[in-house]
């Protein structure tokens, strides 16, 4: 399923496309990885990472460790979002990545984040969605604010297995209530 607004669409990333997710990190400059809070030395070898994704894609959604969406602009892949720390029916953490510098700072991020959040809430029946970018990386923090996320706090942590210790900002978005969910019957 794809959602579109002004040429912007979001779709599930099939296993056949995980290579571009892996290349995104492995081919990034050291400066860019630093901005993301990623330690190149902690990146899994491409073949090991691909094997991890292959095994994870075989699991039912309720047991997945990771999930990804492709961000497209007029049918061209310009980025992706991934989900981890998934507790089906409860919460998960999202990550956001625009592939090329030329596609950044164009106001696309907030549109992609909104579409992704909607898809994540629906697919994983989430109540809460979090995102925790490096506090010094201004772009994702602004994007999350524009997309309607609420700032919760900043703290020093190691956010994931490919990250170094850093200060991150935690943002949250709660599942929008629907008319039937908020109806009290009175």
C-alpha atoms as a PDB file:
ATOM      1  CA  UNK A   1       0.000   0.000   0.000  1.00  0.00           C
ATOM      2  CA  UNK A   2       1.312   3.426  -0.892  1.00  0.00           C
ATOM      3  CA  UNK A   3       0.146   6.769   0.458  1.00  0.00           C
ATOM      4  CA  UNK A   4       0.738   9.858  -1.671  1.00  0.00           C
ATOM      5  CA  UNK A   5       0.634  13.635  -1.225  1.00  0.00           C
ATOM      6  CA  UNK A   6       2.191  16.025  -3.750  1.00  0.00           C
ATOM      7  CA  UNK A   7       4.290  13.283  -5.387  1.00  0.00           C
ATOM      8  CA  UNK A   8       5.428  12.000  -1.986  1.00  0.00           C
ATOM      9  CA  UNK A   9       4.703   8.346  -1.224  1.00  0.00           C
ATOM     10  CA  UNK A  10       5.653   5.706   1.322  1.00  0.00           C
ATOM     11  CA  UNK A  11       5.689   1.965   0.762  1.00  0.00           C
ATOM     12  CA  UNK A  12       6.975  -1.118   2.526  1.00  0.00           C
ATOM     13  CA  UNK A  13      10.588  -1.957   1.684  1.00  0.00           C
ATOM     14  CA  UNK A  14      10.687  -5.504   0.301  1.00  0.00           C
ATOM     15  CA  UNK A  15      13.639  -7.719   1.192  1.00  0.00           C
ATOM     16  CA  UNK A  16      14.907  -7.345  -2.384  1.00  0.00           C
ATOM     17  CA  UNK A  17      15.666  -3.672  -1.619  1.00  0.00           C
ATOM     18  CA  UNK A  18      17.494  -3.954   1.725  1.00  0.00           C
ATOM     19  CA  UNK A  19      20.771  -3.548  -0.142  1.00  0.00           C
ATOM     20  CA  UNK A  20      20.194   0.154  -0.592  1.00  0.00           C
ATOM     21  CA  UNK A  21      19.605   0.503   3.148  1.00  0.00           C
ATOM     22  CA  UNK A  22      22.908  -1.258   3.854  1.00  0.00           C
ATOM     23  CA  UNK A  23      24.795   0.767   1.203  1.00  0.00           C
ATOM     24  CA  UNK A  24      23.410   4.010   2.641  1.00  0.00           C
ATOM     25  CA  UNK A  25      25.458   3.463   5.806  1.00  0.00           C
ATOM     26  CA  UNK A  26      28.500   1.752   4.307  1.00  0.00           C
ATOM     27  CA  UNK A  27      28.935   4.363   1.560  1.00  0.00           C
ATOM     28  CA  UNK A  28      28.315   7.397   3.787  1.00  0.00           C
ATOM     29  CA  UNK A  29      31.148   9.793   4.570  1.00  0.00           C
ATOM     30  CA  UNK A  30      32.682   9.714   8.020  1.00  0.00           C
ATOM     31  CA  UNK A  31      31.354  13.243   8.677  1.00  0.00           C
ATOM     32  CA  UNK A  32      27.817  12.194   7.775  1.00  0.00           C
ATOM     33  CA  UNK A  33      27.976   9.092   9.978  1.00  0.00           C
ATOM     34  CA  UNK A  34      29.240  11.302  12.809  1.00  0.00           C
ATOM     35  CA  UNK A  35      26.189  13.578  12.385  1.00  0.00           C
ATOM     36  CA  UNK A  36      23.955  10.496  12.552  1.00  0.00           C
ATOM     37  CA  UNK A  37      25.732   9.266  15.675  1.00  0.00           C
ATOM     38  CA  UNK A  38      26.912   6.119  13.868  1.00  0.00           C
ATOM     39  CA  UNK A  39      30.305   4.483  14.447  1.00  0.00           C
ATOM     40  CA  UNK A  40      31.580   2.988  11.170  1.00  0.00           C
ATOM     41  CA  UNK A  41      33.486   0.328  13.150  1.00  0.00           C
ATOM     42  CA  UNK A  42      30.184  -0.945  14.571  1.00  0.00           C
ATOM     43  CA  UNK A  43      28.457  -1.408  11.218  1.00  0.00           C
ATOM     44  CA  UNK A  44      27.859  -5.090  10.468  1.00  0.00           C
ATOM     45  CA  UNK A  45      29.563  -6.413   7.348  1.00  0.00           C
ATOM     46  CA  UNK A  46      27.106  -6.048   4.435  1.00  0.00           C
ATOM     47  CA  UNK A  47      26.628  -9.812   4.061  1.00  0.00           C
ATOM     48  CA  UNK A  48      25.998 -10.251   7.815  1.00  0.00           C
ATOM     49  CA  UNK A  49      23.529  -7.371   7.793  1.00  0.00           C
ATOM     50  CA  UNK A  50      21.739  -8.837   4.780  1.00  0.00           C
ATOM     51  CA  UNK A  51      21.512 -12.211   6.567  1.00  0.00           C
ATOM     52  CA  UNK A  52      20.008 -10.513   9.625  1.00  0.00           C
ATOM     53  CA  UNK A  53      17.358  -8.833   7.462  1.00  0.00           C
ATOM     54  CA  UNK A  54      16.660 -12.062   5.583  1.00  0.00           C
ATOM     55  CA  UNK A  55      15.963 -13.880   8.843  1.00  0.00           C
ATOM     56  CA  UNK A  56      13.903 -10.972  10.207  1.00  0.00           C
ATOM     57  CA  UNK A  57      11.764 -10.720   7.042  1.00  0.00           C
ATOM     58  CA  UNK A  58      10.763 -14.387   7.541  1.00  0.00           C
ATOM     59  CA  UNK A  59       9.199 -13.596  10.917  1.00  0.00           C
ATOM     60  CA  UNK A  60       5.546 -12.613  11.267  1.00  0.00           C
ATOM     61  CA  UNK A  61       5.052  -8.854  11.815  1.00  0.00           C
ATOM     62  CA  UNK A  62       4.221  -9.486  15.472  1.00  0.00           C
ATOM     63  CA  UNK A  63       7.761 -10.834  15.981  1.00  0.00           C
ATOM     64  CA  UNK A  64       9.792  -8.547  13.714  1.00  0.00           C
ATOM     65  CA  UNK A  65      12.871  -6.786  15.112  1.00  0.00           C
ATOM     66  CA  UNK A  66      13.000  -4.332  12.233  1.00  0.00           C
ATOM     67  CA  UNK A  67      10.743  -2.964   9.525  1.00  0.00           C
ATOM     68  CA  UNK A  68      11.403  -0.401   6.804  1.00  0.00           C
ATOM     69  CA  UNK A  69       9.539   1.888   4.464  1.00  0.00           C
ATOM     70  CA  UNK A  70      10.844   3.395   1.238  1.00  0.00           C
ATOM     71  CA  UNK A  71      10.285   7.115   0.753  1.00  0.00           C
ATOM     72  CA  UNK A  72       9.554   8.055  -2.853  1.00  0.00           C
ATOM     73  CA  UNK A  73       9.243  11.375  -4.625  1.00  0.00           C
ATOM     74  CA  UNK A  74       7.449  11.050  -7.970  1.00  0.00           C
ATOM     75  CA  UNK A  75       8.225   7.310  -7.991  1.00  0.00           C
ATOM     76  CA  UNK A  76      11.953   7.697  -7.228  1.00  0.00           C
ATOM     77  CA  UNK A  77      13.383   6.371  -3.942  1.00  0.00           C
ATOM     78  CA  UNK A  78      14.791   9.357  -2.037  1.00  0.00           C
ATOM     79  CA  UNK A  79      15.015   7.909   1.449  1.00  0.00           C
ATOM     80  CA  UNK A  80      13.730   5.423   3.947  1.00  0.00           C
ATOM     81  CA  UNK A  81      12.447   5.049   7.437  1.00  0.00           C
ATOM     82  CA  UNK A  82      13.051   2.078   9.662  1.00  0.00           C
ATOM     83  CA  UNK A  83      11.453   0.825  12.822  1.00  0.00           C
ATOM     84  CA  UNK A  84      13.061  -1.087  15.694  1.00  0.00           C
ATOM     85  CA  UNK A  85      12.555  -1.749  19.396  1.00  0.00           C
ATOM     86  CA  UNK A  86       9.111  -2.916  18.288  1.00  0.00           C
ATOM     87  CA  UNK A  87       6.619  -3.986  20.940  1.00  0.00           C
ATOM     88  CA  UNK A  88       3.669  -4.984  18.759  1.00  0.00           C
ATOM     89  CA  UNK A  89       0.473  -3.201  19.779  1.00  0.00           C
ATOM     90  CA  UNK A  90       2.353  -0.844  22.093  1.00  0.00           C
ATOM     91  CA  UNK A  91       5.362   1.126  20.865  1.00  0.00           C
ATOM     92  CA  UNK A  92       8.378   1.312  18.561  1.00  0.00           C
ATOM     93  CA  UNK A  93      11.242   3.624  17.591  1.00  0.00           C
ATOM     94  CA  UNK A  94      11.507   5.059  14.090  1.00  0.00           C
ATOM     95  CA  UNK A  95      14.546   6.303  12.180  1.00  0.00           C
ATOM     96  CA  UNK A  96      14.530   8.639   9.190  1.00  0.00           C
ATOM     97  CA  UNK A  97      16.998   8.991   6.339  1.00  0.00           C
ATOM     98  CA  UNK A  98      17.054  11.076   3.164  1.00  0.00           C
ATOM     99  CA  UNK A  99      19.565   9.514   0.763  1.00  0.00           C
ATOM    100  CA  UNK A 100      21.053  12.457  -1.132  1.00  0.00           C
ATOM    101  CA  UNK A 101      22.031  15.926   0.048  1.00  0.00           C
ATOM    102  CA  UNK A 102      20.083  17.443  -2.870  1.00  0.00           C
ATOM    103  CA  UNK A 103      16.806  16.061  -1.466  1.00  0.00           C
ATOM    104  CA  UNK A 104      17.402  17.454   2.025  1.00  0.00           C
ATOM    105  CA  UNK A 105      16.199  20.855   3.252  1.00  0.00           C
ATOM    106  CA  UNK A 106      13.246  20.824   0.845  1.00  0.00           C
ATOM    107  CA  UNK A 107      10.482  20.264   3.391  1.00  0.00           C
ATOM    108  CA  UNK A 108      10.003  16.650   2.328  1.00  0.00           C
ATOM    109  CA  UNK A 109      11.046  15.086   5.636  1.00  0.00           C
ATOM    110  CA  UNK A 110       7.972  16.106   7.620  1.00  0.00           C
ATOM    111  CA  UNK A 111       5.668  14.788   4.871  1.00  0.00           C
ATOM    112  CA  UNK A 112       7.518  11.467   4.791  1.00  0.00           C
ATOM    113  CA  UNK A 113       7.532  11.219   8.600  1.00  0.00           C
ATOM    114  CA  UNK A 114       3.761  11.819   8.804  1.00  0.00           C
ATOM    115  CA  UNK A 115       3.057   9.172   6.155  1.00  0.00           C
ATOM    116  CA  UNK A 116       5.476   6.738   7.807  1.00  0.00           C
ATOM    117  CA  UNK A 117       3.985   7.278  11.261  1.00  0.00           C
ATOM    118  CA  UNK A 118       0.504   6.580   9.924  1.00  0.00           C
ATOM    119  CA  UNK A 119       1.723   3.357   8.286  1.00  0.00           C
ATOM    120  CA  UNK A 120       3.566   2.263  11.445  1.00  0.00           C
ATOM    121  CA  UNK A 121       0.536   2.908  13.672  1.00  0.00           C
ATOM    122  CA  UNK A 122      -1.637   0.869  11.316  1.00  0.00           C
ATOM    123  CA  UNK A 123       0.764  -2.005  10.569  1.00  0.00           C
ATOM    124  CA  UNK A 124       2.007  -2.574  14.120  1.00  0.00           C
ATOM    125  CA  UNK A 125      -1.140  -1.396  15.966  1.00  0.00           C
ATOM    126  CA  UNK A 126       1.070   0.989  17.949  1.00  0.00           C
ATOM    127  CA  UNK A 127      -0.089   3.326  20.679  1.00  0.00           C
ATOM    128  CA  UNK A 128       3.192   5.290  20.797  1.00  0.00           C
ATOM    129  CA  UNK A 129       5.894   6.026  18.269  1.00  0.00           C
ATOM    130  CA  UNK A 130       9.275   7.412  19.307  1.00  0.00           C
ATOM    131  CA  UNK A 131      12.260   8.798  17.471  1.00  0.00           C
ATOM    132  CA  UNK A 132      15.574   9.585  19.133  1.00  0.00           C
ATOM    133  CA  UNK A 133      18.030  11.397  16.828  1.00  0.00           C
ATOM    134  CA  UNK A 134      21.437  12.732  17.786  1.00  0.00           C
ATOM    135  CA  UNK A 135      20.749  16.013  19.604  1.00  0.00           C
ATOM    136  CA  UNK A 136      23.404  17.801  17.535  1.00  0.00           C
ATOM    137  CA  UNK A 137      21.807  16.764  14.227  1.00  0.00           C
ATOM    138  CA  UNK A 138      19.422  19.675  13.746  1.00  0.00           C
ATOM    139  CA  UNK A 139      17.588  18.417  10.629  1.00  0.00           C
ATOM    140  CA  UNK A 140      15.782  15.365  12.067  1.00  0.00           C
ATOM    141  CA  UNK A 141      14.925  17.234  15.263  1.00  0.00           C
ATOM    142  CA  UNK A 142      13.257  20.037  13.276  1.00  0.00           C
ATOM    143  CA  UNK A 143      11.577  17.523  10.989  1.00  0.00           C
ATOM    144  CA  UNK A 144      10.040  15.638  13.915  1.00  0.00           C
ATOM    145  CA  UNK A 145       8.735  18.868  15.431  1.00  0.00           C
ATOM    146  CA  UNK A 146       7.183  19.893  12.080  1.00  0.00           C
ATOM    147  CA  UNK A 147       5.622  16.429  11.755  1.00  0.00           C
ATOM    148  CA  UNK A 148       3.764  16.840  15.057  1.00  0.00           C
ATOM    149  CA  UNK A 149       6.022  14.884  17.408  1.00  0.00           C
ATOM    150  CA  UNK A 150       6.363  16.160  20.974  1.00  0.00           C
ATOM    151  CA  UNK A 151       9.772  16.688  22.561  1.00  0.00           C
ATOM    152  CA  UNK A 152      10.121  14.542  25.701  1.00  0.00           C
ATOM    153  CA  UNK A 153      13.730  14.890  26.885  1.00  0.00           C
ATOM    154  CA  UNK A 154      17.406  14.794  25.998  1.00  0.00           C
ATOM    155  CA  UNK A 155      19.830  12.339  27.532  1.00  0.00           C
ATOM    156  CA  UNK A 156      23.193  10.697  27.016  1.00  0.00           C
ATOM    157  CA  UNK A 157      22.928   7.138  25.743  1.00  0.00           C
ATOM    158  CA  UNK A 158      24.064   4.576  23.207  1.00  0.00           C
ATOM    159  CA  UNK A 159      20.846   4.393  21.159  1.00  0.00           C
ATOM    160  CA  UNK A 160      21.618   1.255  19.175  1.00  0.00           C
ATOM    161  CA  UNK A 161      24.196  -1.343  18.192  1.00  0.00           C
ATOM    162  CA  UNK A 162      25.767   0.863  15.473  1.00  0.00           C
ATOM    163  CA  UNK A 163      25.923   4.017  17.596  1.00  0.00           C
ATOM    164  CA  UNK A 164      28.517   5.612  19.841  1.00  0.00           C
ATOM    165  CA  UNK A 165      27.633   7.268  23.184  1.00  0.00           C
ATOM    166  CA  UNK A 166      25.895  10.578  22.455  1.00  0.00           C
ATOM    167  CA  UNK A 167      23.248  12.997  23.595  1.00  0.00           C
ATOM    168  CA  UNK A 168      19.935  12.244  21.890  1.00  0.00           C
ATOM    169  CA  UNK A 169      16.569  13.955  21.903  1.00  0.00           C
ATOM    170  CA  UNK A 170      13.536  11.744  22.378  1.00  0.00           C
ATOM    171  CA  UNK A 171      10.406  12.711  20.458  1.00  0.00           C
ATOM    172  CA  UNK A 172       7.006  11.016  20.742  1.00  0.00           C
ATOM    173  CA  UNK A 173       3.836  10.757  18.732  1.00  0.00           C
ATOM    174  CA  UNK A 174       0.756   9.045  20.111  1.00  0.00           C
ATOM    175  CA  UNK A 175      -1.666   7.175  17.892  1.00  0.00           C
ATOM    176  CA  UNK A 176      -4.455   9.531  16.855  1.00  0.00           C
ATOM    177  CA  UNK A 177      -7.728   8.509  18.416  1.00  0.00           C
ATOM    178  CA  UNK A 178     -10.581   7.694  16.077  1.00  0.00           C
ATOM    179  CA  UNK A 179     -14.258   8.446  16.581  1.00  0.00           C
ATOM    180  CA  UNK A 180     -15.089   4.855  17.532  1.00  0.00           C
ATOM    181  CA  UNK A 181     -12.185   4.692  20.018  1.00  0.00           C
ATOM    182  CA  UNK A 182     -13.182   7.895  21.794  1.00  0.00           C
ATOM    183  CA  UNK A 183     -16.931   7.253  21.789  1.00  0.00           C
ATOM    184  CA  UNK A 184     -18.159   6.708  25.345  1.00  0.00           C
ATOM    185  CA  UNK A 185     -21.612   5.496  24.413  1.00  0.00           C
ATOM    186  CA  UNK A 186     -23.262   8.133  26.616  1.00  0.00           C
END
